[in-house]
Amino acid sequence: GDLLRRPGIGYKMITPLDIHRPDYGEYQEEVFEKAEIEIKYAGYIKRQNKEIEACRKLENKRLPPDLPYKSIQGLRLEAAAKLEAIRPESLGQASRISGVSPAG
């Protein structure tokens, strides 16, 4: 698995080294390609899943409908005005408003 994560290394380079590998017959190439892809992209998929979970958490954090955005210290006037006008229901919705950033 660790070898397949390295750039330029593919399953065709390492399978001849494994004398104990199973024979998948006509599906052998498909099986090894699928395994290689899953191994190579596992880190990216894990990171993406963490980002998805973070987005879900933002969606679940509800904002009070009467939140006084203009009185929040550190929030830029432009962002406060947009938030006052749109009145997002959650932090997730607020984060998708153009001109509104987590930094304020």
Protein backbone atom coordinates (compact mmCIF):
# COMPACT_ATOMS: atom_id res chain seq x y z
CA GLY A 1 0.00 0.00 0.00
CA ASP A 2 2.72 2.49 0.92
CA LEU A 3 4.53 1.92 -2.37
CA LEU A 4 1.39 2.66 -4.38
CA ARG A 5 1.05 6.06 -2.70
CA ARG A 6 4.35 7.16 -4.21
CA PRO A 7 4.23 9.17 -7.45
CA GLY A 8 5.17 7.17 -10.50
CA ILE A 9 4.58 3.79 -8.86
CA GLY A 10 1.72 1.69 -10.19
CA TYR A 11 0.36 -1.75 -9.48
CA LYS A 12 1.95 -3.13 -12.68
CA MET A 13 5.37 -2.32 -11.22
CA ILE A 14 4.86 -4.10 -7.91
CA THR A 15 2.52 -7.04 -8.61
CA PRO A 16 5.33 -9.18 -10.11
CA LEU A 17 7.10 -8.88 -6.74
CA ASP A 18 4.18 -10.46 -4.85
CA ILE A 19 4.32 -14.20 -5.51
CA HIS A 20 1.44 -14.81 -3.07
CA ARG A 21 -1.08 -12.51 -4.76
CA PRO A 22 -4.44 -14.07 -5.63
CA ASP A 23 -5.41 -14.72 -9.24
CA TYR A 24 -8.59 -12.86 -10.19
CA GLY A 25 -8.64 -14.29 -13.71
CA GLU A 26 -10.16 -12.05 -16.35
CA TYR A 27 -10.93 -9.38 -13.71
CA GLN A 28 -7.35 -9.20 -12.43
CA GLU A 29 -6.47 -5.89 -14.11
CA GLU A 30 -9.74 -4.26 -12.96
CA VAL A 31 -9.23 -5.43 -9.38
CA PHE A 32 -5.68 -4.11 -9.19
CA GLU A 33 -6.58 -0.80 -10.87
CA LYS A 34 -9.44 -0.28 -8.41
CA ALA A 35 -7.18 -1.10 -5.45
CA GLU A 36 -4.49 1.27 -6.74
CA ILE A 37 -6.97 4.12 -7.14
CA GLU A 38 -8.41 3.58 -3.66
CA ILE A 39 -4.94 3.53 -2.11
CA LYS A 40 -3.64 6.56 -4.03
CA TYR A 41 -6.68 8.71 -3.26
CA ALA A 42 -7.45 7.54 0.30
CA GLY A 43 -5.88 10.65 1.86
CA TYR A 44 -7.81 13.01 -0.42
CA ILE A 45 -11.07 11.20 0.24
CA LYS A 46 -10.48 11.30 4.00
CA ARG A 47 -9.79 15.05 3.86
CA GLN A 48 -12.89 15.63 1.71
CA ASN A 49 -15.03 13.66 4.17
CA LYS A 50 -13.74 15.85 7.02
CA GLU A 51 -14.67 18.98 5.04
CA ILE A 52 -18.15 17.58 4.39
CA GLU A 53 -18.60 16.90 8.11
CA ALA A 54 -17.47 20.44 8.96
CA CYS A 55 -20.04 21.82 6.48
CA ARG A 56 -22.75 19.69 8.08
CA LYS A 57 -21.86 21.09 11.49
CA LEU A 58 -22.14 24.64 10.14
CA GLU A 59 -25.55 23.83 8.68
CA ASN A 60 -26.71 22.54 12.06
CA LYS A 61 -25.63 25.70 13.95
CA ARG A 62 -28.79 27.77 13.85
CA LEU A 63 -28.76 31.56 14.03
CA PRO A 64 -31.43 33.49 15.91
CA PRO A 65 -33.74 35.32 13.48
CA ASP A 66 -33.30 38.60 15.37
CA LEU A 67 -29.48 38.49 15.69
CA PRO A 68 -28.21 42.12 15.63
CA TYR A 69 -25.37 41.70 13.10
CA LYS A 70 -24.49 45.41 13.05
CA SER A 71 -23.64 45.32 16.76
CA ILE A 72 -21.19 42.40 16.45
CA GLN A 73 -17.67 43.70 17.04
CA GLY A 74 -15.15 42.81 14.36
CA LEU A 75 -17.79 42.17 11.70
CA ARG A 76 -17.20 44.36 8.63
CA LEU A 77 -20.00 46.81 7.82
CA GLU A 78 -20.51 45.28 4.37
CA ALA A 79 -20.85 41.78 5.85
CA ALA A 80 -23.18 43.00 8.61
CA ALA A 81 -25.41 44.75 6.06
CA LYS A 82 -25.64 41.62 3.91
CA LEU A 83 -26.39 39.42 6.92
CA GLU A 84 -29.06 41.88 8.13
CA ALA A 85 -30.69 41.87 4.68
CA ILE A 86 -30.54 38.12 4.03
CA ARG A 87 -31.03 36.82 7.60
CA PRO A 88 -29.44 33.37 7.14
CA GLU A 89 -30.91 30.57 9.22
CA SER A 90 -27.59 28.82 9.88
CA LEU A 91 -23.84 29.45 9.93
CA GLY A 92 -23.64 27.31 6.80
CA GLN A 93 -25.99 29.63 4.91
CA ALA A 94 -24.11 32.67 6.22
CA SER A 95 -20.79 31.24 5.00
CA ARG A 96 -22.11 31.03 1.44
CA ILE A 97 -23.10 34.70 1.22
CA SER A 98 -20.80 36.61 -1.10
CA GLY A 99 -18.68 39.12 0.82
CA VAL A 100 -19.12 37.33 4.15
CA SER A 101 -16.10 35.43 5.42
CA PRO A 102 -15.36 33.56 8.65
CA ALA A 103 -12.99 36.39 9.58
CA GLY A 104 -15.88 38.86 9.40
